Each structure stands twice: as C-alpha cells, then as structure tokens.
C-alpha cells in the first residue's frame, strides 16, 4: 500500500509539471506576451514556494520540476 502512494505522487507530480510546461505556451497565446509570461513566472514562483515550505507534497515534488 505504501508503494502505491509513491506511484500516485509521481503521477500527480508529472501531471503538475506537464501543466506548468503547457502553461508556458498557452498563457502568452491567450493573454499576450507580457501578461502570459508574467502569469507563468508567478505560477513557477508559487510552485517553488510550495516546494520549499512543503505544501502540496503530492502534487509539487521533484517529478513536477523534472517535467518543467
């Protein structure tokens, strides 16, 4: 059972990383270059802060940053 929890964290982290990487392309196309990149950087800073503080350990983990 404990091993399954680790797999879920890896899959969730990979999904978050892919969504963050996708947002680098989607936000500037939807909002314009300046606003899109600013929102993306804000999202990345929020993810780094969550990683440092230890919030959302299942979603924001090493797998998320590998995909980013």
C-alpha atoms as a PDB file:
ATOM      1  CA  UNK A   1       0.000   0.000   0.000  1.00  0.00           C
ATOM      2  CA  UNK A   2       2.831   2.405   0.800  1.00  0.00           C
ATOM      3  CA  UNK A   3       4.414   1.755  -2.607  1.00  0.00           C
ATOM      4  CA  UNK A   4       1.165   2.732  -4.343  1.00  0.00           C
ATOM      5  CA  UNK A   5       1.207   6.086  -2.559  1.00  0.00           C
ATOM      6  CA  UNK A   6       4.641   6.771  -4.052  1.00  0.00           C
ATOM      7  CA  UNK A   7       3.409   5.986  -7.553  1.00  0.00           C
ATOM      8  CA  UNK A   8       0.458   8.332  -7.085  1.00  0.00           C
ATOM      9  CA  UNK A   9       2.799  11.133  -6.026  1.00  0.00           C
ATOM     10  CA  UNK A  10       4.989  10.582  -9.089  1.00  0.00           C
ATOM     11  CA  UNK A  11       1.995  10.613 -11.436  1.00  0.00           C
ATOM     12  CA  UNK A  12       0.494  13.688  -9.775  1.00  0.00           C
ATOM     13  CA  UNK A  13       3.839  15.496  -9.869  1.00  0.00           C
ATOM     14  CA  UNK A  14       4.314  14.631 -13.528  1.00  0.00           C
ATOM     15  CA  UNK A  15       0.832  15.936 -14.340  1.00  0.00           C
ATOM     16  CA  UNK A  16       1.513  19.202 -12.499  1.00  0.00           C
ATOM     17  CA  UNK A  17       4.852  19.568 -14.289  1.00  0.00           C
ATOM     18  CA  UNK A  18       3.257  18.986 -17.674  1.00  0.00           C
ATOM     19  CA  UNK A  19       0.526  21.516 -16.918  1.00  0.00           C
ATOM     20  CA  UNK A  20       3.098  24.094 -15.875  1.00  0.00           C
ATOM     21  CA  UNK A  21       5.131  23.454 -19.032  1.00  0.00           C
ATOM     22  CA  UNK A  22       1.969  23.690 -21.145  1.00  0.00           C
ATOM     23  CA  UNK A  23       1.072  26.980 -19.485  1.00  0.00           C
ATOM     24  CA  UNK A  24       4.335  28.470 -20.804  1.00  0.00           C
ATOM     25  CA  UNK A  25       2.889  28.103 -24.290  1.00  0.00           C
ATOM     26  CA  UNK A  26      -0.796  28.646 -23.573  1.00  0.00           C
ATOM     27  CA  UNK A  27      -0.708  31.742 -21.345  1.00  0.00           C
ATOM     28  CA  UNK A  28       1.178  34.019 -23.773  1.00  0.00           C
ATOM     29  CA  UNK A  29      -1.065  32.955 -26.663  1.00  0.00           C
ATOM     30  CA  UNK A  30      -4.203  33.650 -24.643  1.00  0.00           C
ATOM     31  CA  UNK A  31      -3.157  36.763 -22.725  1.00  0.00           C
ATOM     32  CA  UNK A  32      -0.369  38.314 -24.787  1.00  0.00           C
ATOM     33  CA  UNK A  33       3.344  38.025 -24.278  1.00  0.00           C
ATOM     34  CA  UNK A  34       3.885  40.238 -21.244  1.00  0.00           C
ATOM     35  CA  UNK A  35       0.846  39.137 -19.258  1.00  0.00           C
ATOM     36  CA  UNK A  36       1.261  35.475 -20.231  1.00  0.00           C
ATOM     37  CA  UNK A  37       4.908  35.248 -19.230  1.00  0.00           C
ATOM     38  CA  UNK A  38       4.222  37.184 -16.040  1.00  0.00           C
ATOM     39  CA  UNK A  39       1.464  34.767 -15.067  1.00  0.00           C
ATOM     40  CA  UNK A  40       3.696  31.806 -15.917  1.00  0.00           C
ATOM     41  CA  UNK A  41       6.535  33.154 -13.762  1.00  0.00           C
ATOM     42  CA  UNK A  42       4.089  33.742 -10.929  1.00  0.00           C
ATOM     43  CA  UNK A  43       2.937  30.122 -11.249  1.00  0.00           C
ATOM     44  CA  UNK A  44       6.524  28.848 -11.167  1.00  0.00           C
ATOM     45  CA  UNK A  45       7.368  31.013  -8.153  1.00  0.00           C
ATOM     46  CA  UNK A  46       4.286  29.678  -6.382  1.00  0.00           C
ATOM     47  CA  UNK A  47       5.358  26.109  -7.159  1.00  0.00           C
ATOM     48  CA  UNK A  48       8.887  26.766  -5.864  1.00  0.00           C
ATOM     49  CA  UNK A  49       7.463  28.304  -2.697  1.00  0.00           C
ATOM     50  CA  UNK A  50       5.182  25.287  -2.193  1.00  0.00           C
ATOM     51  CA  UNK A  51       8.187  23.006  -2.657  1.00  0.00           C
ATOM     52  CA  UNK A  52      10.269  24.926  -0.108  1.00  0.00           C
ATOM     53  CA  UNK A  53       7.522  25.201   2.505  1.00  0.00           C
ATOM     54  CA  UNK A  54       6.304  21.635   1.999  1.00  0.00           C
ATOM     55  CA  UNK A  55       2.750  22.370   0.887  1.00  0.00           C
ATOM     56  CA  UNK A  56       1.042  20.016  -1.580  1.00  0.00           C
ATOM     57  CA  UNK A  57       3.805  17.417  -1.377  1.00  0.00           C
ATOM     58  CA  UNK A  58       1.878  15.010  -3.585  1.00  0.00           C
ATOM     59  CA  UNK A  59       1.448  17.467  -6.458  1.00  0.00           C
ATOM     60  CA  UNK A  60       4.522  19.709  -6.221  1.00  0.00           C
ATOM     61  CA  UNK A  61       7.517  17.416  -5.978  1.00  0.00           C
ATOM     62  CA  UNK A  62      10.674  16.506  -7.879  1.00  0.00           C
ATOM     63  CA  UNK A  63       8.666  14.926 -10.691  1.00  0.00           C
ATOM     64  CA  UNK A  64       6.874  18.215 -11.316  1.00  0.00           C
ATOM     65  CA  UNK A  65      10.150  20.087 -11.716  1.00  0.00           C
ATOM     66  CA  UNK A  66      11.659  17.410 -13.945  1.00  0.00           C
ATOM     67  CA  UNK A  67       8.865  17.957 -16.460  1.00  0.00           C
ATOM     68  CA  UNK A  68       9.121  21.709 -16.168  1.00  0.00           C
END
